[in-house]
Amino acid sequence: RRVVVVGAGFAGLGAASTLHRAGVDVTVL
């Protein structure tokens, strides 16, 4: 329900955008 993503390159943004669309609370550092 809550995920921390480390890094805002394409891997991090790919993960975070997918989580965000699924309604998961995600923070990118």
PDB file of all heavy atoms in Angstrom:
ATOM      1  N   ARG A   1       0.827  -1.200   0.000  1.00  0.00           N
ATOM      2  CA  ARG A   1       0.000   0.000   0.000  1.00  0.00           C
ATOM      3  C   ARG A   1       0.865   1.255   0.000  1.00  0.00           C
ATOM      4  O   ARG A   1       0.412   2.320  -0.378  1.00  0.00           O
ATOM      5  CB  ARG A   1      -0.930  -0.013   1.210  1.00  0.00           C
ATOM      6  CG  ARG A   1      -1.857  -1.244   1.248  1.00  0.00           C
ATOM      7  CD  ARG A   1      -2.717  -1.274   2.475  1.00  0.00           C
ATOM      8  NE  ARG A   1      -3.650  -0.157   2.515  1.00  0.00           N
ATOM      9  CZ  ARG A   1      -4.515   0.045   3.515  1.00  0.00           C
ATOM     10  NH1 ARG A   1      -4.551  -0.793   4.552  1.00  0.00           N
ATOM     11  NH2 ARG A   1      -5.326   1.098   3.474  1.00  0.00           N
ATOM     12  N   ARG A   2       2.106   1.084   0.465  1.00  0.00           N
ATOM     13  CA  ARG A   2       3.040   2.200   0.481  1.00  0.00           C
ATOM     14  C   ARG A   2       4.414   1.698   0.047  1.00  0.00           C
ATOM     15  O   ARG A   2       4.926   0.687   0.535  1.00  0.00           O
ATOM     16  CB  ARG A   2       3.112   2.810   1.879  1.00  0.00           C
ATOM     17  CG  ARG A   2       4.065   3.993   1.925  1.00  0.00           C
ATOM     18  CD  ARG A   2       3.704   5.000   3.018  1.00  0.00           C
ATOM     19  NE  ARG A   2       4.458   6.157   3.199  1.00  0.00           N
ATOM     20  CZ  ARG A   2       5.355   6.765   2.460  1.00  0.00           C
ATOM     21  NH1 ARG A   2       5.703   6.263   1.364  1.00  0.00           N
ATOM     22  NH2 ARG A   2       5.909   7.876   2.779  1.00  0.00           N
ATOM     23  N   VAL A   3       5.033   2.412  -0.924  1.00  0.00           N
ATOM     24  CA  VAL A   3       6.317   2.007  -1.495  1.00  0.00           C
ATOM     25  C   VAL A   3       7.239   3.216  -1.566  1.00  0.00           C
ATOM     26  O   VAL A   3       6.811   4.321  -1.910  1.00  0.00           O
ATOM     27  CB  VAL A   3       6.148   1.406  -2.907  1.00  0.00           C
ATOM     28  CG1 VAL A   3       7.513   1.030  -3.507  1.00  0.00           C
ATOM     29  CG2 VAL A   3       5.235   0.185  -2.868  1.00  0.00           C
ATOM     30  N   VAL A   4       8.507   3.007  -1.241  1.00  0.00           N
ATOM     31  CA  VAL A   4       9.542   4.014  -1.453  1.00  0.00           C
ATOM     32  C   VAL A   4      10.387   3.571  -2.648  1.00  0.00           C
ATOM     33  O   VAL A   4      10.865   2.435  -2.687  1.00  0.00           O
ATOM     34  CB  VAL A   4      10.438   4.197  -0.213  1.00  0.00           C
ATOM     35  CG1 VAL A   4      11.610   5.131  -0.538  1.00  0.00           C
ATOM     36  CG2 VAL A   4       9.631   4.766   0.943  1.00  0.00           C
ATOM     37  N   VAL A   5      10.542   4.469  -3.600  1.00  0.00           N
ATOM     38  CA  VAL A   5      11.382   4.227  -4.765  1.00  0.00           C
ATOM     39  C   VAL A   5      12.628   5.097  -4.634  1.00  0.00           C
ATOM     40  O   VAL A   5      12.524   6.314  -4.428  1.00  0.00           O
ATOM     41  CB  VAL A   5      10.639   4.549  -6.076  1.00  0.00           C
ATOM     42  CG1 VAL A   5      11.580   4.412  -7.271  1.00  0.00           C
ATOM     43  CG2 VAL A   5       9.427   3.643  -6.247  1.00  0.00           C
ATOM     44  N   VAL A   6      13.794   4.490  -4.751  1.00  0.00           N
ATOM     45  CA  VAL A   6      15.056   5.215  -4.673  1.00  0.00           C
ATOM     46  C   VAL A   6      15.571   5.442  -6.090  1.00  0.00           C
ATOM     47  O   VAL A   6      15.918   4.498  -6.799  1.00  0.00           O
ATOM     48  CB  VAL A   6      16.101   4.452  -3.841  1.00  0.00           C
ATOM     49  CG1 VAL A   6      17.406   5.247  -3.766  1.00  0.00           C
ATOM     50  CG2 VAL A   6      15.569   4.175  -2.443  1.00  0.00           C
ATOM     51  N   GLY A   7      15.611   6.706  -6.497  1.00  0.00           N
ATOM     52  CA  GLY A   7      16.109   7.059  -7.812  1.00  0.00           C
ATOM     53  C   GLY A   7      14.992   7.456  -8.763  1.00  0.00           C
ATOM     54  O   GLY A   7      13.969   6.774  -8.855  1.00  0.00           O
ATOM     55  N   ALA A   8      15.202   8.573  -9.487  1.00  0.00           N
ATOM     56  CA  ALA A   8      14.192   9.088 -10.413  1.00  0.00           C
ATOM     57  C   ALA A   8      14.680   9.060 -11.850  1.00  0.00           C
ATOM     58  O   ALA A   8      14.395   9.962 -12.637  1.00  0.00           O
ATOM     59  CB  ALA A   8      13.778  10.517 -10.023  1.00  0.00           C
ATOM     60  N   GLY A   9      15.443   7.994 -12.189  1.00  0.00           N
ATOM     61  CA  GLY A   9      15.737   7.735 -13.577  1.00  0.00           C
ATOM     62  C   GLY A   9      14.581   6.978 -14.211  1.00  0.00           C
ATOM     63  O   GLY A   9      13.477   6.914 -13.659  1.00  0.00           O
ATOM     64  N   PHE A  10      14.823   6.373 -15.359  1.00  0.00           N
ATOM     65  CA  PHE A  10      13.727   5.689 -16.035  1.00  0.00           C
ATOM     66  C   PHE A  10      13.240   4.467 -15.263  1.00  0.00           C
ATOM     67  O   PHE A  10      12.055   4.140 -15.286  1.00  0.00           O
ATOM     68  CB  PHE A  10      14.121   5.308 -17.460  1.00  0.00           C
ATOM     69  CG  PHE A  10      13.776   6.368 -18.462  1.00  0.00           C
ATOM     70  CD1 PHE A  10      14.760   7.104 -19.071  1.00  0.00           C
ATOM     71  CD2 PHE A  10      12.457   6.623 -18.785  1.00  0.00           C
ATOM     72  CE1 PHE A  10      14.444   8.099 -19.986  1.00  0.00           C
ATOM     73  CE2 PHE A  10      12.128   7.612 -19.703  1.00  0.00           C
ATOM     74  CZ  PHE A  10      13.127   8.356 -20.306  1.00  0.00           C
ATOM     75  N   ALA A  11      14.124   3.765 -14.562  1.00  0.00           N
ATOM     76  CA  ALA A  11      13.685   2.637 -13.753  1.00  0.00           C
ATOM     77  C   ALA A  11      12.784   3.115 -12.621  1.00  0.00           C
ATOM     78  O   ALA A  11      11.705   2.562 -12.385  1.00  0.00           O
ATOM     79  CB  ALA A  11      14.885   1.869 -13.206  1.00  0.00           C
ATOM     80  N   GLY A  12      13.239   4.149 -11.904  1.00  0.00           N
ATOM     81  CA  GLY A  12      12.452   4.670 -10.799  1.00  0.00           C
ATOM     82  C   GLY A  12      11.127   5.263 -11.229  1.00  0.00           C
ATOM     83  O   GLY A  12      10.089   5.037 -10.605  1.00  0.00           O
ATOM     84  N   LEU A  13      11.132   6.026 -12.322  1.00  0.00           N
ATOM     85  CA  LEU A  13       9.886   6.633 -12.803  1.00  0.00           C
ATOM     86  C   LEU A  13       8.960   5.580 -13.399  1.00  0.00           C
ATOM     87  O   LEU A  13       7.735   5.695 -13.283  1.00  0.00           O
ATOM     88  CB  LEU A  13      10.195   7.715 -13.836  1.00  0.00           C
ATOM     89  CG  LEU A  13      10.947   8.940 -13.306  1.00  0.00           C
ATOM     90  CD1 LEU A  13      11.186   9.947 -14.424  1.00  0.00           C
ATOM     91  CD2 LEU A  13      10.196   9.607 -12.154  1.00  0.00           C
ATOM     92  N   GLY A  14       9.525   4.556 -14.039  1.00  0.00           N
ATOM     93  CA  GLY A  14       8.692   3.467 -14.535  1.00  0.00           C
ATOM     94  C   GLY A  14       7.972   2.764 -13.394  1.00  0.00           C
ATOM     95  O   GLY A  14       6.776   2.461 -13.482  1.00  0.00           O
ATOM     96  N   ALA A  15       8.714   2.520 -12.293  1.00  0.00           N
ATOM     97  CA  ALA A  15       8.116   1.894 -11.125  1.00  0.00           C
ATOM     98  C   ALA A  15       7.079   2.806 -10.481  1.00  0.00           C
ATOM     99  O   ALA A  15       5.943   2.395 -10.207  1.00  0.00           O
ATOM    100  CB  ALA A  15       9.205   1.536 -10.116  1.00  0.00           C
ATOM    101  N   ALA A  16       7.456   4.054 -10.233  1.00  0.00           N
ATOM    102  CA  ALA A  16       6.580   4.970  -9.510  1.00  0.00           C
ATOM    103  C   ALA A  16       5.307   5.286 -10.286  1.00  0.00           C
ATOM    104  O   ALA A  16       4.218   5.341  -9.708  1.00  0.00           O
ATOM    105  CB  ALA A  16       7.340   6.256  -9.180  1.00  0.00           C
ATOM    106  N   SER A  17       5.422   5.499 -11.585  1.00  0.00           N
ATOM    107  CA  SER A  17       4.229   5.818 -12.379  1.00  0.00           C
ATOM    108  C   SER A  17       3.280   4.634 -12.427  1.00  0.00           C
ATOM    109  O   SER A  17       2.057   4.810 -12.383  1.00  0.00           O
ATOM    110  CB  SER A  17       4.628   6.264 -13.788  1.00  0.00           C
ATOM    111  OG  SER A  17       5.345   5.250 -14.473  1.00  0.00           O
ATOM    112  N   THR A  18       3.817   3.410 -12.501  1.00  0.00           N
ATOM    113  CA  THR A  18       2.978   2.219 -12.498  1.00  0.00           C
ATOM    114  C   THR A  18       2.262   2.074 -11.161  1.00  0.00           C
ATOM    115  O   THR A  18       1.065   1.773 -11.100  1.00  0.00           O
ATOM    116  CB  THR A  18       3.821   0.965 -12.791  1.00  0.00           C
ATOM    117  OG1 THR A  18       4.483   1.115 -14.045  1.00  0.00           O
ATOM    118  CG2 THR A  18       2.949  -0.277 -12.827  1.00  0.00           C
ATOM    119  N   LEU A  19       2.986   2.282 -10.066  1.00  0.00           N
ATOM    120  CA  LEU A  19       2.389   2.211  -8.736  1.00  0.00           C
ATOM    121  C   LEU A  19       1.328   3.290  -8.541  1.00  0.00           C
ATOM    122  O   LEU A  19       0.251   3.026  -7.994  1.00  0.00           O
ATOM    123  CB  LEU A  19       3.481   2.354  -7.677  1.00  0.00           C
ATOM    124  CG  LEU A  19       4.484   1.200  -7.571  1.00  0.00           C
ATOM    125  CD1 LEU A  19       5.699   1.626  -6.746  1.00  0.00           C
ATOM    126  CD2 LEU A  19       3.834  -0.030  -6.953  1.00  0.00           C
ATOM    127  N   HIS A  20       1.631   4.483  -8.987  1.00  0.00           N
ATOM    128  CA  HIS A  20       0.701   5.607  -8.830  1.00  0.00           C
ATOM    129  C   HIS A  20      -0.612   5.332  -9.557  1.00  0.00           C
ATOM    130  O   HIS A  20      -1.702   5.579  -9.002  1.00  0.00           O
ATOM    131  CB  HIS A  20       1.359   6.883  -9.357  1.00  0.00           C
ATOM    132  CG  HIS A  20       0.507   8.103  -9.248  1.00  0.00           C
ATOM    133  ND1 HIS A  20       0.183   8.692  -8.040  1.00  0.00           N
ATOM    134  CD2 HIS A  20      -0.108   8.860 -10.206  1.00  0.00           C
ATOM    135  CE1 HIS A  20      -0.575   9.743  -8.255  1.00  0.00           C
ATOM    136  NE2 HIS A  20      -0.772   9.872  -9.559  1.00  0.00           N
ATOM    137  N   ARG A  21      -0.523   4.803 -10.778  1.00  0.00           N
ATOM    138  CA  ARG A  21      -1.733   4.497 -11.534  1.00  0.00           C
ATOM    139  C   ARG A  21      -2.563   3.414 -10.857  1.00  0.00           C
ATOM    140  O   ARG A  21      -3.781   3.376 -11.002  1.00  0.00           O
ATOM    141  CB  ARG A  21      -1.372   4.070 -12.961  1.00  0.00           C
ATOM    142  CG  ARG A  21      -0.849   5.184 -13.850  1.00  0.00           C
ATOM    143  CD  ARG A  21      -0.851   4.766 -15.317  1.00  0.00           C
ATOM    144  NE  ARG A  21      -0.063   3.572 -15.556  1.00  0.00           N
ATOM    145  CZ  ARG A  21       1.224   3.572 -15.818  1.00  0.00           C
ATOM    146  NH1 ARG A  21       1.893   4.720 -15.870  1.00  0.00           N
ATOM    147  NH2 ARG A  21       1.877   2.436 -16.037  1.00  0.00           N
ATOM    148  N   ALA A  22      -1.891   2.529 -10.087  1.00  0.00           N
ATOM    149  CA  ALA A  22      -2.595   1.461  -9.384  1.00  0.00           C
ATOM    150  C   ALA A  22      -3.140   1.911  -8.034  1.00  0.00           C
ATOM    151  O   ALA A  22      -3.730   1.099  -7.309  1.00  0.00           O
ATOM    152  CB  ALA A  22      -1.659   0.267  -9.197  1.00  0.00           C
ATOM    153  N   GLY A  23      -2.952   3.167  -7.681  1.00  0.00           N
ATOM    154  CA  GLY A  23      -3.470   3.689  -6.429  1.00  0.00           C
ATOM    155  C   GLY A  23      -2.581   3.466  -5.224  1.00  0.00           C
ATOM    156  O   GLY A  23      -3.010   3.667  -4.085  1.00  0.00           O
ATOM    157  N   VAL A  24      -1.327   3.048  -5.455  1.00  0.00           N
ATOM    158  CA  VAL A  24      -0.387   2.823  -4.360  1.00  0.00           C
ATOM    159  C   VAL A  24       0.233   4.152  -3.947  1.00  0.00           C
ATOM    160  O   VAL A  24       0.578   4.985  -4.788  1.00  0.00           O
ATOM    161  CB  VAL A  24       0.713   1.831  -4.778  1.00  0.00           C
ATOM    162  CG1 VAL A  24       1.731   1.646  -3.649  1.00  0.00           C
ATOM    163  CG2 VAL A  24       0.102   0.494  -5.164  1.00  0.00           C
ATOM    164  N   ASP A  25       0.393   4.356  -2.650  1.00  0.00           N
ATOM    165  CA  ASP A  25       1.064   5.540  -2.118  1.00  0.00           C
ATOM    166  C   ASP A  25       2.571   5.379  -2.338  1.00  0.00           C
ATOM    167  O   ASP A  25       3.199   4.501  -1.741  1.00  0.00           O
ATOM    168  CB  ASP A  25       0.751   5.681  -0.627  1.00  0.00           C
ATOM    169  CG  ASP A  25       1.344   6.944  -0.016  1.00  0.00           C
ATOM    170  OD1 ASP A  25       1.881   7.790  -0.767  1.00  0.00           O
ATOM    171  OD2 ASP A  25       1.305   7.069   1.229  1.00  0.00           O
ATOM    172  N   VAL A  26       3.160   6.203  -3.196  1.00  0.00           N
ATOM    173  CA  VAL A  26       4.565   6.030  -3.553  1.00  0.00           C
ATOM    174  C   VAL A  26       5.312   7.349  -3.422  1.00  0.00           C
ATOM    175  O   VAL A  26       4.812   8.419  -3.806  1.00  0.00           O
ATOM    176  CB  VAL A  26       4.706   5.472  -4.999  1.00  0.00           C
ATOM    177  CG1 VAL A  26       3.998   6.352  -6.016  1.00  0.00           C
ATOM    178  CG2 VAL A  26       6.163   5.270  -5.361  1.00  0.00           C
ATOM    179  N   THR A  27       6.502   7.272  -2.850  1.00  0.00           N
ATOM    180  CA  THR A  27       7.404   8.414  -2.736  1.00  0.00           C
ATOM    181  C   THR A  27       8.705   8.064  -3.444  1.00  0.00           C
ATOM    182  O   THR A  27       9.259   6.977  -3.241  1.00  0.00           O
ATOM    183  CB  THR A  27       7.699   8.752  -1.270  1.00  0.00           C
ATOM    184  OG1 THR A  27       6.487   9.107  -0.610  1.00  0.00           O
ATOM    185  CG2 THR A  27       8.692   9.910  -1.168  1.00  0.00           C
ATOM    186  N   VAL A  28       9.187   8.981  -4.259  1.00  0.00           N
ATOM    187  CA  VAL A  28      10.447   8.808  -4.963  1.00  0.00           C
ATOM    188  C   VAL A  28      11.499   9.697  -4.315  1.00  0.00           C
ATOM    189  O   VAL A  28      11.296  10.903  -4.166  1.00  0.00           O
ATOM    190  CB  VAL A  28      10.321   9.163  -6.461  1.00  0.00           C
ATOM    191  CG1 VAL A  28      11.649   8.910  -7.174  1.00  0.00           C
ATOM    192  CG2 VAL A  28       9.206   8.366  -7.113  1.00  0.00           C
ATOM    193  N   LEU A  29      12.620   9.104  -3.926  1.00  0.00           N
ATOM    194  CA  LEU A  29      13.739   9.845  -3.341  1.00  0.00           C
ATOM    195  C   LEU A  29      14.868   9.910  -4.362  1.00  0.00           C
ATOM    196  O   LEU A  29      15.394   8.880  -4.785  1.00  0.00           O
ATOM    197  CB  LEU A  29      14.221   9.162  -2.060  1.00  0.00           C
ATOM    198  CG  LEU A  29      13.156   8.906  -0.985  1.00  0.00           C
ATOM    199  CD1 LEU A  29      13.778   8.198   0.217  1.00  0.00           C
ATOM    200  CD2 LEU A  29      12.481  10.201  -0.560  1.00  0.00           C
TER     201      LEU A  29
END
